[in-house]
PDB file of N, CA and C in Angstrom:
ATOM      1  N   MET A   1      11.944 -86.370  54.034  1.00  0.00           N
ATOM      2  CA  MET A   1      10.655 -85.717  54.116  1.00  0.00           C
ATOM      3  C   MET A   1      10.588 -84.921  55.423  1.00  0.00           C
ATOM      4  N   PRO A   2      10.313 -83.619  55.344  1.00  0.00           N
ATOM      5  CA  PRO A   2      10.270 -82.784  56.546  1.00  0.00           C
ATOM      6  C   PRO A   2       9.110 -83.181  57.470  1.00  0.00           C
ATOM      7  N   GLY A   3       9.351 -83.060  58.753  1.00  0.00           N
ATOM      8  CA  GLY A   3       8.320 -83.343  59.732  1.00  0.00           C
ATOM      9  C   GLY A   3       7.487 -82.114  60.026  1.00  0.00           C
ATOM     10  N   LEU A   4       6.573 -82.275  60.953  1.00  0.00           N
ATOM     11  CA  LEU A   4       5.654 -81.199  61.296  1.00  0.00           C
ATOM     12  C   LEU A   4       6.387 -79.959  61.794  1.00  0.00           C
ATOM     13  N   LEU A   5       7.352 -80.125  62.682  1.00  0.00           N
ATOM     14  CA  LEU A   5       8.062 -78.958  63.219  1.00  0.00           C
ATOM     15  C   LEU A   5       8.819 -78.205  62.135  1.00  0.00           C
ATOM     16  N   GLU A   6       9.410 -78.935  61.204  1.00  0.00           N
ATOM     17  CA  GLU A   6      10.122 -78.278  60.099  1.00  0.00           C
ATOM     18  C   GLU A   6       9.161 -77.482  59.223  1.00  0.00           C
ATOM     19  N   ARG A   7       7.993 -78.048  58.974  1.00  0.00           N
ATOM     20  CA  ARG A   7       6.981 -77.334  58.167  1.00  0.00           C
ATOM     21  C   ARG A   7       6.457 -76.104  58.908  1.00  0.00           C
ATOM     22  N   LEU A   8       6.188 -76.256  60.208  1.00  0.00           N
ATOM     23  CA  LEU A   8       5.691 -75.121  60.982  1.00  0.00           C
ATOM     24  C   LEU A   8       6.736 -74.017  61.084  1.00  0.00           C
ATOM     25  N   ALA A   9       8.013 -74.380  61.092  1.00  0.00           N
ATOM     26  CA  ALA A   9       9.092 -73.392  61.158  1.00  0.00           C
ATOM     27  C   ALA A   9       9.151 -72.535  59.894  1.00  0.00           C
ATOM     28  N   GLU A  10       8.546 -73.005  58.808  1.00  0.00           N
ATOM     29  CA  GLU A  10       8.535 -72.256  57.547  1.00  0.00           C
ATOM     30  C   GLU A  10       7.451 -71.175  57.515  1.00  0.00           C
ATOM     31  N   VAL A  11       6.526 -71.198  58.467  1.00  0.00           N
ATOM     32  CA  VAL A  11       5.436 -70.216  58.495  1.00  0.00           C
ATOM     33  C   VAL A  11       6.027 -68.865  58.896  1.00  0.00           C
ATOM     34  N   PRO A  12       5.796 -67.815  58.091  1.00  0.00           N
ATOM     35  CA  PRO A  12       6.322 -66.494  58.445  1.00  0.00           C
ATOM     36  C   PRO A  12       5.630 -65.942  59.695  1.00  0.00           C
ATOM     37  N   ASP A  13       6.389 -65.287  60.529  1.00  0.00           N
ATOM     38  CA  ASP A  13       5.870 -64.741  61.782  1.00  0.00           C
ATOM     39  C   ASP A  13       5.513 -63.268  61.586  1.00  0.00           C
ATOM     40  N   PRO A  14       4.209 -62.925  61.589  1.00  0.00           N
ATOM     41  CA  PRO A  14       3.802 -61.540  61.354  1.00  0.00           C
ATOM     42  C   PRO A  14       3.839 -60.667  62.616  1.00  0.00           C
ATOM     43  N   ARG A  15       4.208 -61.255  63.750  1.00  0.00           N
ATOM     44  CA  ARG A  15       4.157 -60.505  65.016  1.00  0.00           C
ATOM     45  C   ARG A  15       5.290 -59.489  65.115  1.00  0.00           C
ATOM     46  N   ASP A  16       5.028 -58.415  65.855  1.00  0.00           N
ATOM     47  CA  ASP A  16       6.051 -57.409  66.145  1.00  0.00           C
ATOM     48  C   ASP A  16       7.071 -58.049  67.086  1.00  0.00           C
ATOM     49  N   PRO A  17       8.349 -58.046  66.728  1.00  0.00           N
ATOM     50  CA  PRO A  17       9.365 -58.703  67.557  1.00  0.00           C
ATOM     51  C   PRO A  17       9.444 -58.180  68.992  1.00  0.00           C
ATOM     52  N   ARG A  18       8.992 -56.962  69.224  1.00  0.00           N
ATOM     53  CA  ARG A  18       9.072 -56.397  70.578  1.00  0.00           C
ATOM     54  C   ARG A  18       8.161 -57.111  71.571  1.00  0.00           C
ATOM     55  N   GLY A  19       7.106 -57.744  71.099  1.00  0.00           N
ATOM     56  CA  GLY A  19       6.166 -58.396  72.009  1.00  0.00           C
ATOM     57  C   GLY A  19       6.262 -59.912  72.032  1.00  0.00           C
ATOM     58  N   VAL A  20       7.204 -60.477  71.287  1.00  0.00           N
ATOM     59  CA  VAL A  20       7.301 -61.929  71.160  1.00  0.00           C
ATOM     60  C   VAL A  20       7.931 -62.542  72.412  1.00  0.00           C
ATOM     61  N   ARG A  21       7.217 -63.487  73.016  1.00  0.00           N
ATOM     62  CA  ARG A  21       7.743 -64.212  74.175  1.00  0.00           C
ATOM     63  C   ARG A  21       8.119 -65.644  73.821  1.00  0.00           C
ATOM     64  N   HIS A  22       7.416 -66.220  72.841  1.00  0.00           N
ATOM     65  CA  HIS A  22       7.634 -67.615  72.462  1.00  0.00           C
ATOM     66  C   HIS A  22       7.802 -67.697  70.945  1.00  0.00           C
ATOM     67  N   ALA A  23       8.631 -68.613  70.520  1.00  0.00           N
ATOM     68  CA  ALA A  23       8.835 -68.826  69.087  1.00  0.00           C
ATOM     69  C   ALA A  23       7.517 -69.265  68.449  1.00  0.00           C
ATOM     70  N   LEU A  24       7.237 -68.765  67.263  1.00  0.00           N
ATOM     71  CA  LEU A  24       5.993 -69.093  66.575  1.00  0.00           C
ATOM     72  C   LEU A  24       5.860 -70.597  66.368  1.00  0.00           C
ATOM     73  N   VAL A  25       6.946 -71.271  66.041  1.00  0.00           N
ATOM     74  CA  VAL A  25       6.877 -72.715  65.802  1.00  0.00           C
ATOM     75  C   VAL A  25       6.389 -73.445  67.048  1.00  0.00           C
ATOM     76  N   VAL A  26       6.756 -72.979  68.228  1.00  0.00           N
ATOM     77  CA  VAL A  26       6.306 -73.599  69.481  1.00  0.00           C
ATOM     78  C   VAL A  26       4.813 -73.351  69.682  1.00  0.00           C
ATOM     79  N   VAL A  27       4.376 -72.124  69.439  1.00  0.00           N
ATOM     80  CA  VAL A  27       2.961 -71.783  69.584  1.00  0.00           C
ATOM     81  C   VAL A  27       2.118 -72.623  68.628  1.00  0.00           C
ATOM     82  N   LEU A  28       2.542 -72.727  67.381  1.00  0.00           N
ATOM     83  CA  LEU A  28       1.796 -73.504  66.394  1.00  0.00           C
ATOM     84  C   LEU A  28       1.782 -74.987  66.727  1.00  0.00           C
ATOM     85  N   ALA A  29       2.915 -75.523  67.169  1.00  0.00           N
ATOM     86  CA  ALA A  29       2.998 -76.951  67.498  1.00  0.00           C
ATOM     87  C   ALA A  29       2.096 -77.286  68.690  1.00  0.00           C
ATOM     88  N   LEU A  30       2.130 -76.460  69.727  1.00  0.00           N
ATOM     89  CA  LEU A  30       1.272 -76.706  70.889  1.00  0.00           C
ATOM     90  C   LEU A  30      -0.205 -76.576  70.523  1.00  0.00           C
ATOM     91  N   THR A  31      -0.527 -75.613  69.671  1.00  0.00           N
ATOM     92  CA  THR A  31      -1.911 -75.451  69.225  1.00  0.00           C
ATOM     93  C   THR A  31      -2.362 -76.670  68.435  1.00  0.00           C
ATOM     94  N   ALA A  32      -1.513 -77.177  67.558  1.00  0.00           N
ATOM     95  CA  ALA A  32      -1.842 -78.379  66.780  1.00  0.00           C
ATOM     96  C   ALA A  32      -2.068 -79.569  67.708  1.00  0.00           C
ATOM     97  N   CYS A  33      -1.212 -79.731  68.704  1.00  0.00           N
ATOM     98  CA  CYS A  33      -1.372 -80.838  69.663  1.00  0.00           C
ATOM     99  C   CYS A  33      -2.689 -80.712  70.415  1.00  0.00           C
ATOM    100  N   ALA A  34      -3.019 -79.505  70.847  1.00  0.00           N
ATOM    101  CA  ALA A  34      -4.262 -79.289  71.585  1.00  0.00           C
ATOM    102  C   ALA A  34      -5.480 -79.632  70.727  1.00  0.00           C
ATOM    103  N   VAL A  35      -5.463 -79.202  69.477  1.00  0.00           N
ATOM    104  CA  VAL A  35      -6.587 -79.486  68.579  1.00  0.00           C
ATOM    105  C   VAL A  35      -6.693 -80.987  68.320  1.00  0.00           C
ATOM    106  N   LEU A  36      -5.563 -81.647  68.117  1.00  0.00           N
ATOM    107  CA  LEU A  36      -5.583 -83.094  67.911  1.00  0.00           C
ATOM    108  C   LEU A  36      -6.092 -83.833  69.149  1.00  0.00           C
ATOM    109  N   ALA A  37      -5.892 -83.223  70.325  1.00  0.00           N
ATOM    110  CA  ALA A  37      -6.362 -83.823  71.574  1.00  0.00           C
ATOM    111  C   ALA A  37      -7.822 -83.483  71.865  1.00  0.00           C
ATOM    112  N   GLY A  38      -8.442 -82.680  70.998  1.00  0.00           N
ATOM    113  CA  GLY A  38      -9.863 -82.414  71.141  1.00  0.00           C
ATOM    114  C   GLY A  38     -10.252 -80.983  71.457  1.00  0.00           C
ATOM    115  N   ALA A  39      -9.298 -80.080  71.602  1.00  0.00           N
ATOM    116  CA  ALA A  39      -9.630 -78.680  71.885  1.00  0.00           C
ATOM    117  C   ALA A  39     -10.336 -78.080  70.674  1.00  0.00           C
ATOM    118  N   ARG A  40     -11.436 -77.381  70.920  1.00  0.00           N
ATOM    119  CA  ARG A  40     -12.227 -76.826  69.822  1.00  0.00           C
ATOM    120  C   ARG A  40     -12.431 -75.326  69.915  1.00  0.00           C
ATOM    121  N   SER A  41     -11.753 -74.663  70.863  1.00  0.00           N
ATOM    122  CA  SER A  41     -11.855 -73.211  70.988  1.00  0.00           C
ATOM    123  C   SER A  41     -10.511 -72.677  71.461  1.00  0.00           C
ATOM    124  N   LEU A  42     -10.335 -71.352  71.343  1.00  0.00           N
ATOM    125  CA  LEU A  42      -9.087 -70.761  71.831  1.00  0.00           C
ATOM    126  C   LEU A  42      -8.944 -70.962  73.333  1.00  0.00           C
ATOM    127  N   LEU A  43     -10.050 -70.879  74.049  1.00  0.00           N
ATOM    128  CA  LEU A  43     -10.015 -71.119  75.494  1.00  0.00           C
ATOM    129  C   LEU A  43      -9.571 -72.545  75.790  1.00  0.00           C
ATOM    130  N   ALA A  44     -10.123 -73.508  75.069  1.00  0.00           N
ATOM    131  CA  ALA A  44      -9.756 -74.911  75.262  1.00  0.00           C
ATOM    132  C   ALA A  44      -8.286 -75.154  74.908  1.00  0.00           C
ATOM    133  N   VAL A  45      -7.812 -74.514  73.857  1.00  0.00           N
ATOM    134  CA  VAL A  45      -6.397 -74.623  73.485  1.00  0.00           C
ATOM    135  C   VAL A  45      -5.524 -74.082  74.604  1.00  0.00           C
ATOM    136  N   GLY A  46      -5.863 -72.910  75.121  1.00  0.00           N
ATOM    137  CA  GLY A  46      -5.096 -72.305  76.204  1.00  0.00           C
ATOM    138  C   GLY A  46      -5.082 -73.173  77.442  1.00  0.00           C
ATOM    139  N   GLU A  47      -6.222 -73.754  77.783  1.00  0.00           N
ATOM    140  CA  GLU A  47      -6.300 -74.645  78.944  1.00  0.00           C
ATOM    141  C   GLU A  47      -5.467 -75.901  78.734  1.00  0.00           C
ATOM    142  N   TRP A  48      -5.534 -76.465  77.522  1.00  0.00           N
ATOM    143  CA  TRP A  48      -4.756 -77.667  77.232  1.00  0.00           C
ATOM    144  C   TRP A  48      -3.269 -77.366  77.356  1.00  0.00           C
ATOM    145  N   ILE A  49      -2.831 -76.239  76.803  1.00  0.00           N
ATOM    146  CA  ILE A  49      -1.417 -75.860  76.868  1.00  0.00           C
ATOM    147  C   ILE A  49      -1.001 -75.619  78.321  1.00  0.00           C
ATOM    148  N   ALA A  50      -1.843 -74.966  79.117  1.00  0.00           N
ATOM    149  CA  ALA A  50      -1.522 -74.697  80.516  1.00  0.00           C
ATOM    150  C   ALA A  50      -1.382 -75.994  81.302  1.00  0.00           C
ATOM    151  N   ASP A  51      -2.141 -77.015  80.941  1.00  0.00           N
ATOM    152  CA  ASP A  51      -2.094 -78.297  81.640  1.00  0.00           C
ATOM    153  C   ASP A  51      -1.022 -79.240  81.110  1.00  0.00           C
ATOM    154  N   ALA A  52      -0.439 -78.914  79.959  1.00  0.00           N
ATOM    155  CA  ALA A  52       0.579 -79.789  79.361  1.00  0.00           C
ATOM    156  C   ALA A  52       1.852 -79.771  80.209  1.00  0.00           C
ATOM    157  N   PRO A  53       2.538 -80.907  80.271  1.00  0.00           N
ATOM    158  CA  PRO A  53       3.791 -80.923  81.021  1.00  0.00           C
ATOM    159  C   PRO A  53       4.841 -80.019  80.366  1.00  0.00           C
ATOM    160  N   PRO A  54       5.782 -79.514  81.152  1.00  0.00           N
ATOM    161  CA  PRO A  54       6.791 -78.587  80.590  1.00  0.00           C
ATOM    162  C   PRO A  54       7.641 -79.189  79.478  1.00  0.00           C
TER     163      PRO A  54
END
């Protein structure tokens, strides 16, 4: 049974490759973690990700 990262890796990336800095699967996984930790806005998600350990 595939895990969360495997499922998120299946999501097509609509971004222009010229501007991509981070893999979509990483962005989605960090966003999911932030929401599960209680983030309820894009600002809160960004703050949670900025405070997360490397």
